[in-house]
Amino acid sequence: MGRFLKKGNGSDVAILNGNYPAFNCLSPYIFVCYQELVEDTELNRIAGERMRQRHRLAE
């Protein structure tokens, strides 16, 4: 697998097995972007819950 990663020259690499992704290797920058998206999604979910709770208390 190392030779495939070297051929990627620092770019993202997907290893396929039977035309399905079996392994993905992401650059550190892309990995951090994905982490931030996951964190933002969770924070938006929490904010939405709090806004709904606040709305219920105001009624």
PDB file of N, CA and C in Angstrom:
ATOM      1  N   MET A   1       0.826  -1.186   0.000  1.00  0.00           N
ATOM      2  CA  MET A   1       0.000   0.000   0.000  1.00  0.00           C
ATOM      3  C   MET A   1       0.870   1.249   0.000  1.00  0.00           C
ATOM      4  N   GLY A   2       2.061   1.167   0.550  1.00  0.00           N
ATOM      5  CA  GLY A   2       2.946   2.319   0.616  1.00  0.00           C
ATOM      6  C   GLY A   2       3.256   2.915  -0.741  1.00  0.00           C
ATOM      7  N   ARG A   3       3.395   2.070  -1.741  1.00  0.00           N
ATOM      8  CA  ARG A   3       3.730   2.592  -3.075  1.00  0.00           C
ATOM      9  C   ARG A   3       2.582   3.414  -3.651  1.00  0.00           C
ATOM     10  N   PHE A   4       1.339   3.057  -3.305  1.00  0.00           N
ATOM     11  CA  PHE A   4       0.199   3.836  -3.782  1.00  0.00           C
ATOM     12  C   PHE A   4       0.161   5.206  -3.116  1.00  0.00           C
ATOM     13  N   LEU A   5       0.481   5.232  -1.829  1.00  0.00           N
ATOM     14  CA  LEU A   5       0.490   6.507  -1.122  1.00  0.00           C
ATOM     15  C   LEU A   5       1.585   7.417  -1.653  1.00  0.00           C
ATOM     16  N   LYS A   6       2.738   6.839  -1.975  1.00  0.00           N
ATOM     17  CA  LYS A   6       3.827   7.636  -2.544  1.00  0.00           C
ATOM     18  C   LYS A   6       3.431   8.216  -3.893  1.00  0.00           C
ATOM     19  N   LYS A   7       2.716   7.446  -4.699  1.00  0.00           N
ATOM     20  CA  LYS A   7       2.276   7.940  -6.005  1.00  0.00           C
ATOM     21  C   LYS A   7       1.258   9.067  -5.865  1.00  0.00           C
ATOM     22  N   GLY A   8       0.601   9.153  -4.729  1.00  0.00           N
ATOM     23  CA  GLY A   8      -0.372  10.217  -4.496  1.00  0.00           C
ATOM     24  C   GLY A   8       0.267  11.574  -4.292  1.00  0.00           C
ATOM     25  N   ASN A   9       1.570  11.608  -4.018  1.00  0.00           N
ATOM     26  CA  ASN A   9       2.304  12.867  -3.831  1.00  0.00           C
ATOM     27  C   ASN A   9       1.620  13.821  -2.854  1.00  0.00           C
ATOM     28  N   GLY A  10       1.143  13.301  -1.735  1.00  0.00           N
ATOM     29  CA  GLY A  10       0.520  14.141  -0.718  1.00  0.00           C
ATOM     30  C   GLY A  10      -0.958  14.402  -0.935  1.00  0.00           C
ATOM     31  N   SER A  11      -1.494  13.960  -2.054  1.00  0.00           N
ATOM     32  CA  SER A  11      -2.926  14.128  -2.316  1.00  0.00           C
ATOM     33  C   SER A  11      -3.709  13.020  -1.620  1.00  0.00           C
ATOM     34  N   ASP A  12      -5.009  13.181  -1.590  1.00  0.00           N
ATOM     35  CA  ASP A  12      -5.869  12.155  -1.013  1.00  0.00           C
ATOM     36  C   ASP A  12      -5.845  10.922  -1.906  1.00  0.00           C
ATOM     37  N   VAL A  13      -5.869   9.748  -1.266  1.00  0.00           N
ATOM     38  CA  VAL A  13      -5.794   8.488  -2.002  1.00  0.00           C
ATOM     39  C   VAL A  13      -6.912   7.575  -1.512  1.00  0.00           C
ATOM     40  N   ALA A  14      -7.610   6.933  -2.439  1.00  0.00           N
ATOM     41  CA  ALA A  14      -8.628   5.937  -2.104  1.00  0.00           C
ATOM     42  C   ALA A  14      -8.196   4.602  -2.693  1.00  0.00           C
ATOM     43  N   ILE A  15      -8.181   3.568  -1.867  1.00  0.00           N
ATOM     44  CA  ILE A  15      -7.874   2.213  -2.313  1.00  0.00           C
ATOM     45  C   ILE A  15      -9.210   1.499  -2.487  1.00  0.00           C
ATOM     46  N   LEU A  16      -9.446   0.963  -3.673  1.00  0.00           N
ATOM     47  CA  LEU A  16     -10.711   0.298  -3.967  1.00  0.00           C
ATOM     48  C   LEU A  16     -10.560  -1.216  -3.916  1.00  0.00           C
ATOM     49  N   ASN A  17     -11.625  -1.874  -3.508  1.00  0.00           N
ATOM     50  CA  ASN A  17     -11.697  -3.331  -3.500  1.00  0.00           C
ATOM     51  C   ASN A  17     -13.027  -3.695  -4.144  1.00  0.00           C
ATOM     52  N   GLY A  18     -12.975  -4.275  -5.322  1.00  0.00           N
ATOM     53  CA  GLY A  18     -14.216  -4.606  -6.020  1.00  0.00           C
ATOM     54  C   GLY A  18     -15.018  -3.361  -6.359  1.00  0.00           C
ATOM     55  N   ASN A  19     -14.332  -2.285  -6.705  1.00  0.00           N
ATOM     56  CA  ASN A  19     -14.932  -1.004  -7.078  1.00  0.00           C
ATOM     57  C   ASN A  19     -15.612  -0.292  -5.909  1.00  0.00           C
ATOM     58  N   TYR A  20     -15.316  -0.702  -4.674  1.00  0.00           N
ATOM     59  CA  TYR A  20     -15.822  -0.040  -3.480  1.00  0.00           C
ATOM     60  C   TYR A  20     -14.639   0.453  -2.659  1.00  0.00           C
ATOM     61  N   PRO A  21     -14.774   1.613  -2.021  1.00  0.00           N
ATOM     62  CA  PRO A  21     -13.654   2.110  -1.219  1.00  0.00           C
ATOM     63  C   PRO A  21     -13.361   1.177  -0.042  1.00  0.00           C
ATOM     64  N   ALA A  22     -12.112   0.768   0.071  1.00  0.00           N
ATOM     65  CA  ALA A  22     -11.683  -0.088   1.175  1.00  0.00           C
ATOM     66  C   ALA A  22     -10.825   0.695   2.159  1.00  0.00           C
ATOM     67  N   PHE A  23     -10.201   1.773   1.681  1.00  0.00           N
ATOM     68  CA  PHE A  23      -9.298   2.555   2.522  1.00  0.00           C
ATOM     69  C   PHE A  23      -9.163   3.941   1.921  1.00  0.00           C
ATOM     70  N   ASN A  24      -9.208   4.956   2.759  1.00  0.00           N
ATOM     71  CA  ASN A  24      -8.988   6.330   2.317  1.00  0.00           C
ATOM     72  C   ASN A  24      -7.852   6.926   3.124  1.00  0.00           C
ATOM     73  N   CYS A  25      -6.950   7.580   2.454  1.00  0.00           N
ATOM     74  CA  CYS A  25      -5.852   8.283   3.116  1.00  0.00           C
ATOM     75  C   CYS A  25      -6.008   9.761   2.772  1.00  0.00           C
ATOM     76  N   LEU A  26      -6.254  10.578   3.780  1.00  0.00           N
ATOM     77  CA  LEU A  26      -6.495  11.998   3.577  1.00  0.00           C
ATOM     78  C   LEU A  26      -5.275  12.815   3.961  1.00  0.00           C
ATOM     79  N   SER A  27      -5.111  13.934   3.288  1.00  0.00           N
ATOM     80  CA  SER A  27      -4.057  14.865   3.689  1.00  0.00           C
ATOM     81  C   SER A  27      -4.450  15.444   5.052  1.00  0.00           C
ATOM     82  N   PRO A  28      -3.483  15.874   5.846  1.00  0.00           N
ATOM     83  CA  PRO A  28      -3.813  16.456   7.153  1.00  0.00           C
ATOM     84  C   PRO A  28      -4.797  17.625   7.044  1.00  0.00           C
ATOM     85  N   TYR A  29      -4.644  18.451   6.022  1.00  0.00           N
ATOM     86  CA  TYR A  29      -5.542  19.594   5.853  1.00  0.00           C
ATOM     87  C   TYR A  29      -6.987  19.134   5.656  1.00  0.00           C
ATOM     88  N   ILE A  30      -7.203  18.169   4.771  1.00  0.00           N
ATOM     89  CA  ILE A  30      -8.558  17.670   4.512  1.00  0.00           C
ATOM     90  C   ILE A  30      -9.115  16.983   5.754  1.00  0.00           C
ATOM     91  N   PHE A  31      -8.270  16.252   6.484  1.00  0.00           N
ATOM     92  CA  PHE A  31      -8.723  15.589   7.708  1.00  0.00           C
ATOM     93  C   PHE A  31      -9.233  16.618   8.710  1.00  0.00           C
ATOM     94  N   VAL A  32      -8.491  17.708   8.885  1.00  0.00           N
ATOM     95  CA  VAL A  32      -8.907  18.768   9.814  1.00  0.00           C
ATOM     96  C   VAL A  32     -10.217  19.397   9.342  1.00  0.00           C
ATOM     97  N   CYS A  33     -10.368  19.590   8.039  1.00  0.00           N
ATOM     98  CA  CYS A  33     -11.622  20.139   7.505  1.00  0.00           C
ATOM     99  C   CYS A  33     -12.798  19.234   7.847  1.00  0.00           C
ATOM    100  N   TYR A  34     -12.625  17.930   7.669  1.00  0.00           N
ATOM    101  CA  TYR A  34     -13.688  16.985   8.019  1.00  0.00           C
ATOM    102  C   TYR A  34     -13.985  17.016   9.512  1.00  0.00           C
ATOM    103  N   GLN A  35     -12.954  17.094  10.333  1.00  0.00           N
ATOM    104  CA  GLN A  35     -13.165  17.172  11.778  1.00  0.00           C
ATOM    105  C   GLN A  35     -13.984  18.404  12.135  1.00  0.00           C
ATOM    106  N   GLU A  36     -13.658  19.538  11.533  1.00  0.00           N
ATOM    107  CA  GLU A  36     -14.387  20.767  11.812  1.00  0.00           C
ATOM    108  C   GLU A  36     -15.839  20.668  11.360  1.00  0.00           C
ATOM    109  N   LEU A  37     -16.085  20.020  10.231  1.00  0.00           N
ATOM    110  CA  LEU A  37     -17.465  19.826   9.779  1.00  0.00           C
ATOM    111  C   LEU A  37     -18.267  18.989  10.771  1.00  0.00           C
ATOM    112  N   VAL A  38     -17.647  17.930  11.280  1.00  0.00           N
ATOM    113  CA  VAL A  38     -18.324  17.076  12.261  1.00  0.00           C
ATOM    114  C   VAL A  38     -18.610  17.866  13.534  1.00  0.00           C
ATOM    115  N   GLU A  39     -17.628  18.638  14.008  1.00  0.00           N
ATOM    116  CA  GLU A  39     -17.821  19.450  15.210  1.00  0.00           C
ATOM    117  C   GLU A  39     -18.907  20.494  14.994  1.00  0.00           C
ATOM    118  N   ASP A  40     -18.896  21.157  13.839  1.00  0.00           N
ATOM    119  CA  ASP A  40     -19.916  22.163  13.540  1.00  0.00           C
ATOM    120  C   ASP A  40     -21.307  21.544  13.508  1.00  0.00           C
ATOM    121  N   THR A  41     -21.426  20.360  12.939  1.00  0.00           N
ATOM    122  CA  THR A  41     -22.714  19.674  12.884  1.00  0.00           C
ATOM    123  C   THR A  41     -23.226  19.384  14.288  1.00  0.00           C
ATOM    124  N   GLU A  42     -22.352  18.907  15.148  1.00  0.00           N
ATOM    125  CA  GLU A  42     -22.745  18.610  16.527  1.00  0.00           C
ATOM    126  C   GLU A  42     -23.129  19.889  17.270  1.00  0.00           C
ATOM    127  N   LEU A  43     -22.355  20.954  17.098  1.00  0.00           N
ATOM    128  CA  LEU A  43     -22.674  22.218  17.763  1.00  0.00           C
ATOM    129  C   LEU A  43     -23.997  22.788  17.256  1.00  0.00           C
ATOM    130  N   ASN A  44     -24.274  22.657  15.965  1.00  0.00           N
ATOM    131  CA  ASN A  44     -25.561  23.117  15.426  1.00  0.00           C
ATOM    132  C   ASN A  44     -26.716  22.315  15.999  1.00  0.00           C
ATOM    133  N   ARG A  45     -26.512  21.018  16.186  1.00  0.00           N
ATOM    134  CA  ARG A  45     -27.561  20.181  16.785  1.00  0.00           C
ATOM    135  C   ARG A  45     -27.846  20.634  18.212  1.00  0.00           C
ATOM    136  N   ILE A  46     -26.787  20.876  18.983  1.00  0.00           N
ATOM    137  CA  ILE A  46     -26.939  21.326  20.370  1.00  0.00           C
ATOM    138  C   ILE A  46     -27.624  22.688  20.417  1.00  0.00           C
ATOM    139  N   ALA A  47     -27.213  23.608  19.548  1.00  0.00           N
ATOM    140  CA  ALA A  47     -27.824  24.939  19.516  1.00  0.00           C
ATOM    141  C   ALA A  47     -29.305  24.845  19.171  1.00  0.00           C
ATOM    142  N   GLY A  48     -29.654  23.986  18.220  1.00  0.00           N
ATOM    143  CA  GLY A  48     -31.059  23.806  17.853  1.00  0.00           C
ATOM    144  C   GLY A  48     -31.886  23.279  19.016  1.00  0.00           C
ATOM    145  N   GLU A  49     -31.344  22.329  19.761  1.00  0.00           N
ATOM    146  CA  GLU A  49     -32.047  21.796  20.933  1.00  0.00           C
ATOM    147  C   GLU A  49     -32.271  22.885  21.964  1.00  0.00           C
ATOM    148  N   ARG A  50     -31.250  23.679  22.219  1.00  0.00           N
ATOM    149  CA  ARG A  50     -31.369  24.751  23.212  1.00  0.00           C
ATOM    150  C   ARG A  50     -32.384  25.800  22.776  1.00  0.00           C
ATOM    151  N   MET A  51     -32.411  26.109  21.491  1.00  0.00           N
ATOM    152  CA  MET A  51     -33.387  27.087  21.005  1.00  0.00           C
ATOM    153  C   MET A  51     -34.805  26.551  21.151  1.00  0.00           C
ATOM    154  N   ARG A  52     -35.004  25.260  20.882  1.00  0.00           N
ATOM    155  CA  ARG A  52     -36.335  24.665  21.051  1.00  0.00           C
ATOM    156  C   ARG A  52     -36.739  24.663  22.521  1.00  0.00           C
ATOM    157  N   GLN A  53     -35.794  24.355  23.414  1.00  0.00           N
ATOM    158  CA  GLN A  53     -36.095  24.365  24.845  1.00  0.00           C
ATOM    159  C   GLN A  53     -36.459  25.774  25.298  1.00  0.00           C
ATOM    160  N   ARG A  54     -35.724  26.751  24.825  1.00  0.00           N
ATOM    161  CA  ARG A  54     -35.978  28.139  25.195  1.00  0.00           C
ATOM    162  C   ARG A  54     -37.361  28.567  24.698  1.00  0.00           C
ATOM    163  N   HIS A  55     -37.713  28.144  23.495  1.00  0.00           N
ATOM    164  CA  HIS A  55     -39.019  28.483  22.928  1.00  0.00           C
ATOM    165  C   HIS A  55     -40.137  27.856  23.764  1.00  0.00           C
ATOM    166  N   ARG A  56     -39.943  26.623  24.203  1.00  0.00           N
ATOM    167  CA  ARG A  56     -40.957  25.948  25.026  1.00  0.00           C
ATOM    168  C   ARG A  56     -41.122  26.643  26.370  1.00  0.00           C
ATOM    169  N   LEU A  57     -40.023  27.105  26.961  1.00  0.00           N
ATOM    170  CA  LEU A  57     -40.095  27.783  28.253  1.00  0.00           C
ATOM    171  C   LEU A  57     -40.805  29.126  28.137  1.00  0.00           C
ATOM    172  N   ALA A  58     -40.691  29.772  26.989  1.00  0.00           N
ATOM    173  CA  ALA A  58     -41.309  31.080  26.793  1.00  0.00           C
ATOM    174  C   ALA A  58     -42.820  30.974  26.611  1.00  0.00           C
ATOM    175  N   GLU A  59     -43.315  29.805  26.276  1.00  0.00           N
ATOM    176  CA  GLU A  59     -44.759  29.647  26.030  1.00  0.00           C
ATOM    177  C   GLU A  59     -45.551  29.630  27.285  1.00  0.00           C
TER     178      GLU A  59
END
